C-alpha atoms as a PDB file:
ATOM      1  CA  MET A   1       1.442  29.446 -48.961  1.00  0.00           C
ATOM      2  CA  LYS A   2      -1.027  30.173 -46.238  1.00  0.00           C
ATOM      3  CA  LYS A   3      -0.966  28.008 -43.077  1.00  0.00           C
ATOM      4  CA  LYS A   4      -4.115  26.103 -42.359  1.00  0.00           C
ATOM      5  CA  TYR A   5      -5.179  26.302 -38.762  1.00  0.00           C
ATOM      6  CA  PRO A   6      -7.405  23.636 -37.337  1.00  0.00           C
ATOM      7  CA  ILE A   7     -10.975  24.620 -36.655  1.00  0.00           C
ATOM      8  CA  TYR A   8     -11.621  24.841 -32.929  1.00  0.00           C
ATOM      9  CA  ARG A   9     -14.207  22.370 -31.770  1.00  0.00           C
ATOM     10  CA  LYS A  10     -15.607  22.223 -28.309  1.00  0.00           C
ATOM     11  CA  PRO A  11     -14.359  18.929 -26.839  1.00  0.00           C
ATOM     12  CA  ALA A  12     -16.918  16.344 -25.842  1.00  0.00           C
ATOM     13  CA  ILE A  13     -17.043  15.709 -22.124  1.00  0.00           C
ATOM     14  CA  LYS A  14     -15.415  12.391 -21.427  1.00  0.00           C
ATOM     15  CA  SER A  15     -13.457  10.619 -18.740  1.00  0.00           C
ATOM     16  CA  VAL A  16      -9.719  10.507 -19.301  1.00  0.00           C
ATOM     17  CA  LYS A  17      -7.241   8.357 -17.427  1.00  0.00           C
ATOM     18  CA  ILE A  18      -4.182  10.393 -16.528  1.00  0.00           C
ATOM     19  CA  LYS A  19      -1.113   8.823 -15.007  1.00  0.00           C
ATOM     20  CA  LEU A  20       1.018  11.225 -13.019  1.00  0.00           C
ATOM     21  CA  ASN A  21       4.588  10.618 -11.914  1.00  0.00           C
ATOM     22  CA  MET A  22       5.468  13.386  -9.489  1.00  0.00           C
ATOM     23  CA  PHE A  23       8.123  13.978  -6.912  1.00  0.00           C
ATOM     24  CA  PHE A  24       7.096  16.051  -3.915  1.00  0.00           C
ATOM     25  CA  ASN A  25       9.574  17.865  -1.753  1.00  0.00           C
ATOM     26  CA  LEU A  26       7.227  18.390   1.187  1.00  0.00           C
ATOM     27  CA  TYR A  27       8.317  19.551   4.595  1.00  0.00           C
ATOM     28  CA  ASP A  28       6.660  18.692   7.875  1.00  0.00           C
ATOM     29  CA  GLU A  29       4.828  21.301   9.916  1.00  0.00           C
ATOM     30  CA  TYR A  30       7.778  21.878  12.265  1.00  0.00           C
ATOM     31  CA  ASP A  31      10.626  22.151   9.755  1.00  0.00           C
ATOM     32  CA  GLY A  32       9.096  24.002   6.865  1.00  0.00           C
ATOM     33  CA  TYR A  33       6.119  24.480   4.633  1.00  0.00           C
ATOM     34  CA  PHE A  34       4.389  22.775   1.751  1.00  0.00           C
ATOM     35  CA  ASN A  35       5.419  24.268  -1.552  1.00  0.00           C
ATOM     36  CA  PHE A  36       2.204  23.094  -3.145  1.00  0.00           C
ATOM     37  CA  ILE A  37      -0.529  20.606  -2.437  1.00  0.00           C
ATOM     38  CA  PRO A  38      -1.955  19.245  -5.657  1.00  0.00           C
ATOM     39  CA  GLU A  39      -5.332  17.570  -5.804  1.00  0.00           C
ATOM     40  CA  VAL A  40      -5.028  14.341  -7.740  1.00  0.00           C
ATOM     41  CA  ASN A  41      -7.708  11.894  -8.752  1.00  0.00           C
ATOM     42  CA  GLY A  42      -6.181   8.564  -9.671  1.00  0.00           C
ATOM     43  CA  GLU A  43      -2.733   7.167  -9.076  1.00  0.00           C
ATOM     44  CA  LEU A  44      -0.065   9.151  -7.312  1.00  0.00           C
ATOM     45  CA  LEU A  45       3.555   8.125  -6.980  1.00  0.00           C
ATOM     46  CA  ALA A  46       5.084  10.045  -4.110  1.00  0.00           C
ATOM     47  CA  CYS A  47       7.997   9.527  -1.773  1.00  0.00           C
ATOM     48  CA  CYS A  48       6.864  11.471   1.248  1.00  0.00           C
ATOM     49  CA  GLY A  49       4.029  13.473   2.725  1.00  0.00           C
ATOM     50  CA  THR A  50       0.544  12.592   3.845  1.00  0.00           C
ATOM     51  CA  CYS A  51      -1.836  11.054   1.390  1.00  0.00           C
ATOM     52  CA  PHE A  52      -5.536  10.469   1.977  1.00  0.00           C
ATOM     53  CA  SER A  53      -7.445   8.004  -0.156  1.00  0.00           C
ATOM     54  CA  CYS A  54     -11.186   7.959  -0.723  1.00  0.00           C
ATOM     55  CA  SER A  55     -12.516   5.291   1.596  1.00  0.00           C
ATOM     56  CA  ASP A  56     -16.083   6.292   2.400  1.00  0.00           C
ATOM     57  CA  ARG A  57     -18.556   3.411   2.509  1.00  0.00           C
ATOM     58  CA  LYS A  58     -20.892   5.460   0.284  1.00  0.00           C
ATOM     59  CA  LEU A  59     -18.358   5.164  -2.541  1.00  0.00           C
ATOM     60  CA  LYS A  60     -18.061   1.364  -2.418  1.00  0.00           C
ATOM     61  CA  ASN A  61     -20.142  -1.617  -3.409  1.00  0.00           C
ATOM     62  CA  LYS A  62     -19.688  -5.389  -3.498  1.00  0.00           C
ATOM     63  CA  LEU A  63     -18.014  -5.313  -0.080  1.00  0.00           C
ATOM     64  CA  LYS A  64     -16.636  -8.635   1.102  1.00  0.00           C
ATOM     65  CA  PRO A  65     -14.390  -9.136   4.122  1.00  0.00           C
ATOM     66  CA  VAL A  66     -10.773 -10.075   3.537  1.00  0.00           C
ATOM     67  CA  LYS A  67     -10.025 -13.326   5.360  1.00  0.00           C
ATOM     68  CA  LYS A  68      -7.160 -15.759   5.856  1.00  0.00           C
ATOM     69  CA  VAL A  69      -4.385 -13.288   5.154  1.00  0.00           C
ATOM     70  CA  LEU A  70      -1.812 -14.757   7.568  1.00  0.00           C
ATOM     71  CA  GLU A  71      -0.835 -17.605   5.263  1.00  0.00           C
ATOM     72  CA  LYS A  72      -0.348 -15.164   2.399  1.00  0.00           C
ATOM     73  CA  ILE A  73       1.643 -12.728   4.548  1.00  0.00           C
ATOM     74  CA  LYS A  74       3.914 -15.558   5.697  1.00  0.00           C
ATOM     75  CA  ARG A  75       4.948 -16.022   2.065  1.00  0.00           C
ATOM     76  CA  LEU A  76       6.178 -12.424   1.845  1.00  0.00           C
ATOM     77  CA  GLN A  77       9.688 -11.410   2.841  1.00  0.00           C
ATOM     78  CA  ALA A  78      10.626  -7.890   3.904  1.00  0.00           C
ATOM     79  CA  TYR A  79      14.069  -6.791   2.756  1.00  0.00           C
ATOM     80  CA  GLU A  80      16.626  -4.151   3.606  1.00  0.00           C
ATOM     81  CA  PHE A  81      18.220  -3.017   0.370  1.00  0.00           C
ATOM     82  CA  GLN A  82      19.921  -0.257  -1.583  1.00  0.00           C
ATOM     83  CA  TRP A  83      18.571   1.140  -4.827  1.00  0.00           C
ATOM     84  CA  LYS A  84      20.607   0.027  -7.872  1.00  0.00           C
ATOM     85  CA  ARG A  85      20.283   3.364  -9.607  1.00  0.00           C
ATOM     86  CA  SER A  86      18.781   6.809  -9.244  1.00  0.00           C
ATOM     87  CA  PHE A  87      15.201   7.541 -10.260  1.00  0.00           C
ATOM     88  CA  LYS A  88      14.979  11.322 -10.150  1.00  0.00           C
ATOM     89  CA  SER A  89      11.284  11.347 -11.032  1.00  0.00           C
ATOM     90  CA  LEU A  90      10.601   9.274  -7.908  1.00  0.00           C
ATOM     91  CA  GLY A  91      13.101  11.035  -5.663  1.00  0.00           C
ATOM     92  CA  ILE A  92      15.292   7.940  -5.313  1.00  0.00           C
ATOM     93  CA  GLN A  93      19.057   8.227  -5.111  1.00  0.00           C
ATOM     94  CA  LYS A  94      21.410   5.391  -6.066  1.00  0.00           C
ATOM     95  CA  ASN A  95      22.703   3.344  -3.104  1.00  0.00           C
ATOM     96  CA  THR A  96      20.138   4.851  -0.708  1.00  0.00           C
ATOM     97  CA  ASP A  97      19.227   2.447   2.110  1.00  0.00           C
ATOM     98  CA  SER A  98      15.610   1.390   2.175  1.00  0.00           C
ATOM     99  CA  MET A  99      13.219  -1.378   3.243  1.00  0.00           C
ATOM    100  CA  GLY A 100      10.324  -2.991   1.491  1.00  0.00           C
ATOM    101  CA  LEU A 101       8.775  -5.964  -0.214  1.00  0.00           C
ATOM    102  CA  LEU A 102       9.323  -7.297  -3.697  1.00  0.00           C
ATOM    103  CA  ALA A 103       6.413  -6.398  -5.942  1.00  0.00           C
ATOM    104  CA  GLN A 104       6.703  -9.748  -7.710  1.00  0.00           C
ATOM    105  CA  ASP A 105       6.049 -11.554  -4.386  1.00  0.00           C
ATOM    106  CA  VAL A 106       3.177  -9.220  -3.507  1.00  0.00           C
ATOM    107  CA  LYS A 107       1.591  -9.838  -6.906  1.00  0.00           C
ATOM    108  CA  ILE A 108       1.438 -13.571  -6.162  1.00  0.00           C
ATOM    109  CA  ALA A 109      -0.040 -13.185  -2.658  1.00  0.00           C
ATOM    110  CA  PHE A 110      -2.225 -10.087  -3.182  1.00  0.00           C
ATOM    111  CA  PRO A 111      -2.638  -9.386  -6.920  1.00  0.00           C
ATOM    112  CA  GLN A 112      -4.708  -6.228  -6.304  1.00  0.00           C
ATOM    113  CA  LEU A 113      -1.778  -4.619  -4.445  1.00  0.00           C
ATOM    114  CA  ALA A 114       0.924  -4.898  -7.131  1.00  0.00           C
ATOM    115  CA  LYS A 115       0.833  -3.617 -10.675  1.00  0.00           C
ATOM    116  CA  LYS A 116       2.966  -2.125 -13.407  1.00  0.00           C
ATOM    117  CA  ILE A 117       3.850   1.501 -12.724  1.00  0.00           C
ATOM    118  CA  ASN A 118       5.506   1.892 -16.102  1.00  0.00           C
ATOM    119  CA  ARG A 119       6.541  -0.405 -18.906  1.00  0.00           C
ATOM    120  CA  ASN A 120       9.496  -1.872 -16.977  1.00  0.00           C
ATOM    121  CA  TYR A 121       8.673  -1.929 -13.278  1.00  0.00           C
ATOM    122  CA  LEU A 122       6.088  -3.186 -10.813  1.00  0.00           C
ATOM    123  CA  GLY A 123       4.933  -1.106  -7.860  1.00  0.00           C
ATOM    124  CA  VAL A 124       3.260  -1.948  -4.558  1.00  0.00           C
ATOM    125  CA  ASN A 125       0.232  -0.191  -3.127  1.00  0.00           C
ATOM    126  CA  TYR A 126       1.712   0.074   0.376  1.00  0.00           C
ATOM    127  CA  PRO A 127      -1.165   2.141   1.866  1.00  0.00           C
ATOM    128  CA  ALA A 128      -3.628  -0.642   0.999  1.00  0.00           C
ATOM    129  CA  PHE A 129      -1.501  -3.033   3.041  1.00  0.00           C
ATOM    130  CA  THR A 130      -2.990  -1.369   6.103  1.00  0.00           C
ATOM    131  CA  ALA A 131      -6.232  -3.282   5.533  1.00  0.00           C
ATOM    132  CA  ILE A 132      -4.319  -6.549   5.132  1.00  0.00           C
ATOM    133  CA  LEU A 133      -2.320  -5.936   8.310  1.00  0.00           C
ATOM    134  CA  VAL A 134      -5.488  -5.063  10.269  1.00  0.00           C
ATOM    135  CA  GLU A 135      -6.976  -8.415   9.276  1.00  0.00           C
ATOM    136  CA  ALA A 136      -3.722 -10.206  10.104  1.00  0.00           C
ATOM    137  CA  ILE A 137      -3.741  -8.661  13.595  1.00  0.00           C
ATOM    138  CA  LYS A 138      -7.345  -9.775  14.055  1.00  0.00           C
ATOM    139  CA  GLU A 139      -6.457 -13.328  12.969  1.00  0.00           C
ATOM    140  CA  LEU A 140      -3.463 -13.396  15.345  1.00  0.00           C
ATOM    141  CA  THR A 141      -5.625 -12.050  18.179  1.00  0.00           C
ATOM    142  CA  GLU A 142      -8.159 -14.841  17.613  1.00  0.00           C
ATOM    143  CA  LYS A 143      -5.410 -17.488  17.518  1.00  0.00           C
ATOM    144  CA  ASN A 144      -3.904 -16.025  20.681  1.00  0.00           C
ATOM    145  CA  SER A 145      -7.284 -16.121  22.476  1.00  0.00           C
ATOM    146  CA  ILE A 146      -7.740 -19.780  21.567  1.00  0.00           C
ATOM    147  CA  THR A 147      -4.208 -20.580  22.720  1.00  0.00           C
ATOM    148  CA  GLU A 148      -4.749 -18.748  26.030  1.00  0.00           C
ATOM    149  CA  LYS A 149      -7.990 -20.684  26.660  1.00  0.00           C
ATOM    150  CA  LYS A 150      -6.204 -23.976  25.985  1.00  0.00           C
ATOM    151  CA  LEU A 151      -3.351 -22.939  28.259  1.00  0.00           C
ATOM    152  CA  ARG A 152      -5.731 -22.077  31.118  1.00  0.00           C
ATOM    153  CA  MET A 153      -7.486 -25.403  30.671  1.00  0.00           C
ATOM    154  CA  LEU A 154      -4.164 -27.279  30.761  1.00  0.00           C
ATOM    155  CA  GLU A 155      -3.010 -25.301  33.811  1.00  0.00           C
ATOM    156  CA  LYS A 156      -6.198 -26.318  35.640  1.00  0.00           C
ATOM    157  CA  ARG A 157      -5.558 -29.970  34.754  1.00  0.00           C
ATOM    158  CA  VAL A 158      -1.956 -29.750  35.954  1.00  0.00           C
ATOM    159  CA  GLU A 159      -3.057 -28.041  39.167  1.00  0.00           C
ATOM    160  CA  LYS A 160      -5.672 -30.750  39.714  1.00  0.00           C
ATOM    161  CA  TYR A 161      -3.108 -33.565  39.259  1.00  0.00           C
ATOM    162  CA  THR A 162      -0.396 -31.913  41.361  1.00  0.00           C
ATOM    163  CA  SER A 163      -2.783 -31.375  44.260  1.00  0.00           C
ATOM    164  CA  LEU A 164      -3.508 -35.111  44.546  1.00  0.00           C
END
């Protein structure tokens, strides 16, 4: 019996979502070299190396400032921990010391920064936390300025009363 081979058809051009789980063994510029530098569009799970994300204003719309992040950050707890098991695809060894947040807590405070990375586990978009922390620093700076002004005002009052 003759095998039937499928007829080749030119594929239609369409957008395809590809999820990549990769482990990179990248060395820094002083200790070694990069074995390869892949170009990835989409999500990238990596344990080390430098990663640049598209952030150009020309690529974004519906911009709205992130405000009042301090209260949300106060609800998060950073932990020191050890991994329960090894995840070779992520470059994680069992009992390795690490630090981080719990994705479940992040999902409550900042839903855009936590999501499922596979059918069983949540992940955190740690690089995006930079924007949150920048806003938190700005909020703390503003609170500090107000507190310093109040302190100077109180010091002047105390000085006025002690000089009587």
